Amino acid sequence: MTDVTVKYKDHRIVSIESSGHAGFRRRGKDIVCAAISVLMFTAVQGLDSVAELDHLIFESDEKTAYMYVELPSTLSEEQALKAGVILDTVVIGLQGIAQDYPKNMRLYKEGGANIQ
């Protein structure tokens, strides 16, 4: 099971954390894990190249299926708007995966409340 937690501050996403193998198929053939990974890496790439964030916090561990992305504490208004659109879009994608594969992925807001 993959658990994804989205942390909000002042109604804006500040971090997304994903952990655990989805268990849909064996490692290397798991479309649920692959989809989550693609969204997380797309978030990082978009935040870097579109929102032009210099000090983005990103951690990844392939063995434990862990990924974490956190916005820096200081952003210009333009960066905050671009980052918000990117992360909101990623969460929409994650919601779709969680709805289609509820046995393999759970999506939470910080504090454990289910987003769905």
N, C-alpha and C. Protein backbone atom coordinates (compact mmCIF):
# COMPACT_ATOMS: atom_id res chain seq x y z
N MET A 1 0.84 -1.18 0.00
CA MET A 1 0.00 0.00 0.00
C MET A 1 0.89 1.24 0.00
N THR A 2 0.57 2.17 -0.86
CA THR A 2 1.26 3.45 -0.88
C THR A 2 0.40 4.48 -0.16
N ASP A 3 0.98 5.15 0.81
CA ASP A 3 0.31 6.24 1.51
C ASP A 3 0.92 7.55 1.04
N VAL A 4 0.06 8.47 0.63
CA VAL A 4 0.50 9.78 0.19
C VAL A 4 -0.14 10.81 1.10
N THR A 5 0.69 11.68 1.67
CA THR A 5 0.20 12.73 2.56
C THR A 5 0.51 14.09 1.96
N VAL A 6 -0.52 14.91 1.86
CA VAL A 6 -0.40 16.26 1.33
C VAL A 6 -0.53 17.22 2.51
N LYS A 7 0.50 18.03 2.71
CA LYS A 7 0.50 18.98 3.82
C LYS A 7 0.14 20.37 3.30
N TYR A 8 -0.81 21.00 3.98
CA TYR A 8 -1.26 22.34 3.62
C TYR A 8 -0.88 23.33 4.71
N LYS A 9 -0.64 24.57 4.28
CA LYS A 9 -0.46 25.69 5.20
C LYS A 9 -1.15 26.89 4.56
N ASP A 10 -2.08 27.50 5.28
CA ASP A 10 -2.84 28.63 4.76
C ASP A 10 -3.51 28.29 3.42
N HIS A 11 -4.09 27.10 3.35
CA HIS A 11 -4.83 26.62 2.18
C HIS A 11 -3.96 26.40 0.95
N ARG A 12 -2.66 26.35 1.12
CA ARG A 12 -1.74 26.07 0.01
C ARG A 12 -0.94 24.81 0.34
N ILE A 13 -0.70 24.01 -0.67
CA ILE A 13 0.11 22.82 -0.48
C ILE A 13 1.56 23.24 -0.25
N VAL A 14 2.17 22.68 0.80
CA VAL A 14 3.57 22.98 1.08
C VAL A 14 4.46 21.75 0.92
N SER A 15 3.87 20.54 0.99
CA SER A 15 4.67 19.34 0.77
C SER A 15 3.77 18.16 0.40
N ILE A 16 4.39 17.20 -0.27
CA ILE A 16 3.75 15.93 -0.59
C ILE A 16 4.74 14.83 -0.27
N GLU A 17 4.27 13.83 0.47
CA GLU A 17 5.10 12.69 0.86
C GLU A 17 4.43 11.40 0.43
N SER A 18 5.20 10.54 -0.20
CA SER A 18 4.69 9.25 -0.66
C SER A 18 5.59 8.15 -0.10
N SER A 19 4.97 7.11 0.47
CA SER A 19 5.79 6.02 1.00
C SER A 19 5.09 4.68 0.84
N GLY A 20 5.89 3.68 0.57
CA GLY A 20 5.40 2.31 0.48
C GLY A 20 5.13 1.86 -0.95
N HIS A 21 5.35 0.59 -1.18
CA HIS A 21 5.05 0.00 -2.48
C HIS A 21 3.55 -0.27 -2.58
N ALA A 22 2.98 0.02 -3.72
CA ALA A 22 1.53 -0.12 -3.91
C ALA A 22 1.07 -1.57 -3.85
N GLY A 23 1.89 -2.49 -4.33
CA GLY A 23 1.53 -3.90 -4.28
C GLY A 23 0.53 -4.32 -5.34
N PHE A 24 0.37 -3.53 -6.39
CA PHE A 24 -0.55 -3.90 -7.47
C PHE A 24 0.01 -5.06 -8.29
N ARG A 25 1.29 -4.98 -8.59
CA ARG A 25 2.02 -6.03 -9.31
C ARG A 25 3.41 -6.11 -8.69
N ARG A 26 4.22 -7.03 -9.16
CA ARG A 26 5.57 -7.15 -8.63
C ARG A 26 6.38 -5.91 -8.98
N ARG A 27 7.43 -5.71 -8.21
CA ARG A 27 8.29 -4.55 -8.39
C ARG A 27 8.81 -4.50 -9.84
N GLY A 28 8.74 -3.32 -10.43
CA GLY A 28 9.15 -3.15 -11.81
C GLY A 28 8.01 -3.28 -12.80
N LYS A 29 6.90 -3.84 -12.36
CA LYS A 29 5.72 -4.02 -13.23
C LYS A 29 4.47 -3.36 -12.64
N ASP A 30 4.65 -2.60 -11.57
CA ASP A 30 3.52 -2.03 -10.83
C ASP A 30 3.11 -0.67 -11.42
N ILE A 31 1.99 -0.65 -12.12
CA ILE A 31 1.54 0.59 -12.76
C ILE A 31 1.11 1.65 -11.75
N VAL A 32 0.66 1.24 -10.59
CA VAL A 32 0.25 2.21 -9.56
C VAL A 32 1.48 2.93 -9.02
N CYS A 33 2.51 2.16 -8.67
CA CYS A 33 3.77 2.79 -8.21
C CYS A 33 4.35 3.69 -9.29
N ALA A 34 4.31 3.21 -10.52
CA ALA A 34 4.86 4.00 -11.63
C ALA A 34 4.10 5.31 -11.80
N ALA A 35 2.79 5.25 -11.71
CA ALA A 35 1.98 6.46 -11.89
C ALA A 35 2.25 7.48 -10.77
N ILE A 36 2.35 7.00 -9.55
CA ILE A 36 2.64 7.89 -8.43
C ILE A 36 4.03 8.51 -8.60
N SER A 37 4.99 7.69 -8.98
CA SER A 37 6.35 8.19 -9.19
C SER A 37 6.41 9.25 -10.28
N VAL A 38 5.71 8.99 -11.38
CA VAL A 38 5.70 9.96 -12.48
C VAL A 38 5.13 11.29 -12.02
N LEU A 39 4.04 11.26 -11.26
CA LEU A 39 3.46 12.51 -10.77
C LEU A 39 4.41 13.24 -9.82
N MET A 40 5.05 12.49 -8.94
CA MET A 40 5.97 13.13 -7.99
C MET A 40 7.18 13.73 -8.71
N PHE A 41 7.76 13.00 -9.66
CA PHE A 41 8.91 13.53 -10.40
C PHE A 41 8.48 14.70 -11.29
N THR A 42 7.28 14.65 -11.84
CA THR A 42 6.77 15.77 -12.64
C THR A 42 6.60 17.01 -11.77
N ALA A 43 6.14 16.82 -10.55
CA ALA A 43 6.02 17.94 -9.61
C ALA A 43 7.38 18.60 -9.40
N VAL A 44 8.39 17.79 -9.14
CA VAL A 44 9.73 18.31 -8.90
C VAL A 44 10.25 19.05 -10.13
N GLN A 45 10.10 18.44 -11.29
CA GLN A 45 10.59 19.08 -12.52
C GLN A 45 9.84 20.36 -12.82
N GLY A 46 8.52 20.36 -12.62
CA GLY A 46 7.72 21.56 -12.86
C GLY A 46 8.06 22.67 -11.88
N LEU A 47 8.24 22.31 -10.61
CA LEU A 47 8.59 23.31 -9.61
C LEU A 47 9.96 23.92 -9.90
N ASP A 48 10.86 23.09 -10.41
CA ASP A 48 12.19 23.57 -10.75
C ASP A 48 12.18 24.44 -12.00
N SER A 49 11.58 23.96 -13.08
CA SER A 49 11.70 24.67 -14.35
C SER A 49 10.60 25.70 -14.60
N VAL A 50 9.38 25.45 -14.16
CA VAL A 50 8.28 26.39 -14.41
C VAL A 50 8.19 27.45 -13.30
N ALA A 51 8.20 26.99 -12.04
CA ALA A 51 8.11 27.93 -10.92
C ALA A 51 9.48 28.50 -10.54
N GLU A 52 10.53 27.94 -11.13
CA GLU A 52 11.90 28.41 -10.92
C GLU A 52 12.29 28.47 -9.44
N LEU A 53 12.03 27.37 -8.73
CA LEU A 53 12.37 27.30 -7.31
C LEU A 53 13.80 26.80 -7.15
N ASP A 54 14.61 27.59 -6.48
CA ASP A 54 16.02 27.26 -6.31
C ASP A 54 16.28 26.30 -5.15
N HIS A 55 15.52 26.41 -4.10
CA HIS A 55 15.82 25.65 -2.88
C HIS A 55 14.74 24.64 -2.56
N LEU A 56 14.26 23.95 -3.56
CA LEU A 56 13.24 22.93 -3.39
C LEU A 56 13.84 21.76 -2.59
N ILE A 57 13.09 21.26 -1.64
CA ILE A 57 13.54 20.10 -0.86
C ILE A 57 12.95 18.86 -1.51
N PHE A 58 13.83 17.91 -1.86
CA PHE A 58 13.38 16.67 -2.49
C PHE A 58 14.20 15.51 -1.98
N GLU A 59 13.50 14.46 -1.55
CA GLU A 59 14.14 13.23 -1.10
C GLU A 59 13.49 12.07 -1.81
N SER A 60 14.29 11.06 -2.12
CA SER A 60 13.78 9.89 -2.81
C SER A 60 14.61 8.67 -2.43
N ASP A 61 13.92 7.54 -2.20
CA ASP A 61 14.59 6.27 -1.91
C ASP A 61 13.83 5.18 -2.66
N GLU A 62 14.42 4.70 -3.72
CA GLU A 62 13.76 3.71 -4.57
C GLU A 62 13.47 2.40 -3.83
N LYS A 63 14.38 1.97 -2.96
CA LYS A 63 14.20 0.70 -2.25
C LYS A 63 12.98 0.70 -1.36
N THR A 64 12.74 1.82 -0.69
CA THR A 64 11.58 1.88 0.23
C THR A 64 10.38 2.55 -0.41
N ALA A 65 10.51 2.92 -1.67
CA ALA A 65 9.43 3.62 -2.40
C ALA A 65 9.01 4.89 -1.67
N TYR A 66 10.00 5.68 -1.28
CA TYR A 66 9.75 6.92 -0.55
C TYR A 66 10.11 8.11 -1.43
N MET A 67 9.20 9.09 -1.45
CA MET A 67 9.46 10.35 -2.14
C MET A 67 8.86 11.48 -1.32
N TYR A 68 9.59 12.58 -1.28
CA TYR A 68 9.13 13.74 -0.51
C TYR A 68 9.54 15.01 -1.25
N VAL A 69 8.60 15.90 -1.42
CA VAL A 69 8.88 17.20 -2.03
C VAL A 69 8.28 18.28 -1.14
N GLU A 70 9.08 19.30 -0.86
CA GLU A 70 8.64 20.40 0.01
C GLU A 70 9.06 21.72 -0.61
N LEU A 71 8.14 22.67 -0.60
CA LEU A 71 8.45 24.00 -1.10
C LEU A 71 9.36 24.74 -0.12
N PRO A 72 10.22 25.60 -0.63
CA PRO A 72 11.01 26.43 0.28
C PRO A 72 10.10 27.38 1.05
N SER A 73 10.58 27.88 2.16
CA SER A 73 9.73 28.72 3.01
C SER A 73 9.49 30.11 2.43
N THR A 74 10.37 30.58 1.59
CA THR A 74 10.18 31.90 1.00
C THR A 74 10.02 31.78 -0.51
N LEU A 75 8.91 32.31 -1.01
CA LEU A 75 8.60 32.31 -2.43
C LEU A 75 8.09 33.68 -2.83
N SER A 76 8.39 34.08 -4.04
CA SER A 76 7.75 35.29 -4.56
C SER A 76 6.29 34.96 -4.83
N GLU A 77 5.48 35.98 -5.01
CA GLU A 77 4.05 35.73 -5.30
C GLU A 77 3.89 34.94 -6.59
N GLU A 78 4.69 35.27 -7.60
CA GLU A 78 4.62 34.55 -8.87
C GLU A 78 5.02 33.09 -8.70
N GLN A 79 6.09 32.83 -7.95
CA GLN A 79 6.50 31.45 -7.69
C GLN A 79 5.43 30.69 -6.92
N ALA A 80 4.83 31.34 -5.93
CA ALA A 80 3.79 30.70 -5.14
C ALA A 80 2.58 30.33 -6.00
N LEU A 81 2.19 31.22 -6.92
CA LEU A 81 1.07 30.94 -7.81
C LEU A 81 1.39 29.77 -8.74
N LYS A 82 2.56 29.78 -9.34
CA LYS A 82 2.96 28.70 -10.24
C LYS A 82 3.08 27.37 -9.48
N ALA A 83 3.70 27.41 -8.32
CA ALA A 83 3.85 26.20 -7.51
C ALA A 83 2.49 25.65 -7.10
N GLY A 84 1.57 26.55 -6.76
CA GLY A 84 0.22 26.12 -6.39
C GLY A 84 -0.49 25.40 -7.51
N VAL A 85 -0.39 25.91 -8.71
CA VAL A 85 -1.03 25.27 -9.87
C VAL A 85 -0.41 23.90 -10.11
N ILE A 86 0.91 23.83 -10.06
CA ILE A 86 1.59 22.55 -10.29
C ILE A 86 1.18 21.53 -9.24
N LEU A 87 1.24 21.89 -7.97
CA LEU A 87 0.94 20.93 -6.92
C LEU A 87 -0.55 20.58 -6.87
N ASP A 88 -1.42 21.54 -7.13
CA ASP A 88 -2.86 21.23 -7.20
C ASP A 88 -3.14 20.22 -8.31
N THR A 89 -2.46 20.38 -9.44
CA THR A 89 -2.63 19.47 -10.57
C THR A 89 -2.12 18.08 -10.22
N VAL A 90 -0.98 18.00 -9.55
CA VAL A 90 -0.44 16.71 -9.12
C VAL A 90 -1.42 16.02 -8.16
N VAL A 91 -1.99 16.77 -7.24
CA VAL A 91 -2.94 16.18 -6.29
C VAL A 91 -4.19 15.67 -7.02
N ILE A 92 -4.64 16.36 -8.05
CA ILE A 92 -5.78 15.86 -8.84
C ILE A 92 -5.42 14.50 -9.44
N GLY A 93 -4.21 14.38 -9.98
CA GLY A 93 -3.76 13.10 -10.52
C GLY A 93 -3.69 12.03 -9.45
N LEU A 94 -3.18 12.37 -8.27
CA LEU A 94 -3.10 11.41 -7.16
C LEU A 94 -4.49 10.99 -6.69
N GLN A 95 -5.43 11.93 -6.68
CA GLN A 95 -6.81 11.59 -6.31
C GLN A 95 -7.39 10.56 -7.27
N GLY A 96 -7.12 10.73 -8.55
CA GLY A 96 -7.61 9.78 -9.55
C GLY A 96 -7.04 8.39 -9.33
N ILE A 97 -5.76 8.31 -9.03
CA ILE A 97 -5.15 7.01 -8.76
C ILE A 97 -5.76 6.39 -7.50
N ALA A 98 -5.90 7.18 -6.45
CA ALA A 98 -6.47 6.67 -5.20
C ALA A 98 -7.91 6.18 -5.40
N GLN A 99 -8.66 6.86 -6.23
CA GLN A 99 -10.04 6.43 -6.49
C GLN A 99 -10.09 5.16 -7.32
N ASP A 100 -9.20 5.04 -8.29
CA ASP A 100 -9.20 3.87 -9.16
C ASP A 100 -8.54 2.65 -8.53
N TYR A 101 -7.64 2.86 -7.58
CA TYR A 101 -6.89 1.76 -6.95
C TYR A 101 -6.90 1.90 -5.43
N PRO A 102 -8.09 1.85 -4.82
CA PRO A 102 -8.18 2.08 -3.37
C PRO A 102 -7.49 1.01 -2.52
N LYS A 103 -7.23 -0.16 -3.08
CA LYS A 103 -6.53 -1.20 -2.34
C LYS A 103 -5.02 -1.01 -2.39
N ASN A 104 -4.57 -0.07 -3.22
CA ASN A 104 -3.14 0.10 -3.43
C ASN A 104 -2.60 1.46 -3.05
N MET A 105 -3.50 2.45 -2.87
CA MET A 105 -3.06 3.80 -2.53
C MET A 105 -4.09 4.50 -1.68
N ARG A 106 -3.59 5.20 -0.65
CA ARG A 106 -4.44 6.06 0.18
C ARG A 106 -3.86 7.46 0.14
N LEU A 107 -4.76 8.44 0.10
CA LEU A 107 -4.35 9.85 0.00
C LEU A 107 -4.90 10.59 1.21
N TYR A 108 -4.02 11.29 1.93
CA TYR A 108 -4.39 11.98 3.16
C TYR A 108 -3.94 13.43 3.14
N LYS A 109 -4.67 14.25 3.88
CA LYS A 109 -4.17 15.57 4.26
C LYS A 109 -3.36 15.39 5.51
N GLU A 110 -2.48 16.34 5.80
CA GLU A 110 -1.72 16.25 7.03
C GLU A 110 -2.67 16.07 8.20
N GLY A 111 -2.36 15.16 9.11
CA GLY A 111 -3.21 14.87 10.26
C GLY A 111 -4.05 13.62 10.03
N GLY A 112 -4.00 13.01 8.85
CA GLY A 112 -4.66 11.75 8.61
C GLY A 112 -6.05 11.80 8.01
N ALA A 113 -6.60 12.98 7.77
CA ALA A 113 -7.93 13.06 7.17
C ALA A 113 -7.83 12.67 5.70
N ASN A 114 -8.69 11.75 5.28
CA ASN A 114 -8.67 11.29 3.90
C ASN A 114 -9.13 12.40 2.98
N ILE A 115 -8.41 12.65 1.88
CA ILE A 115 -8.74 13.72 0.94
C ILE A 115 -9.94 13.37 0.09
N GLN A 116 -10.10 12.13 -0.25
CA GLN A 116 -11.12 11.75 -1.23
C GLN A 116 -12.50 12.17 -0.85
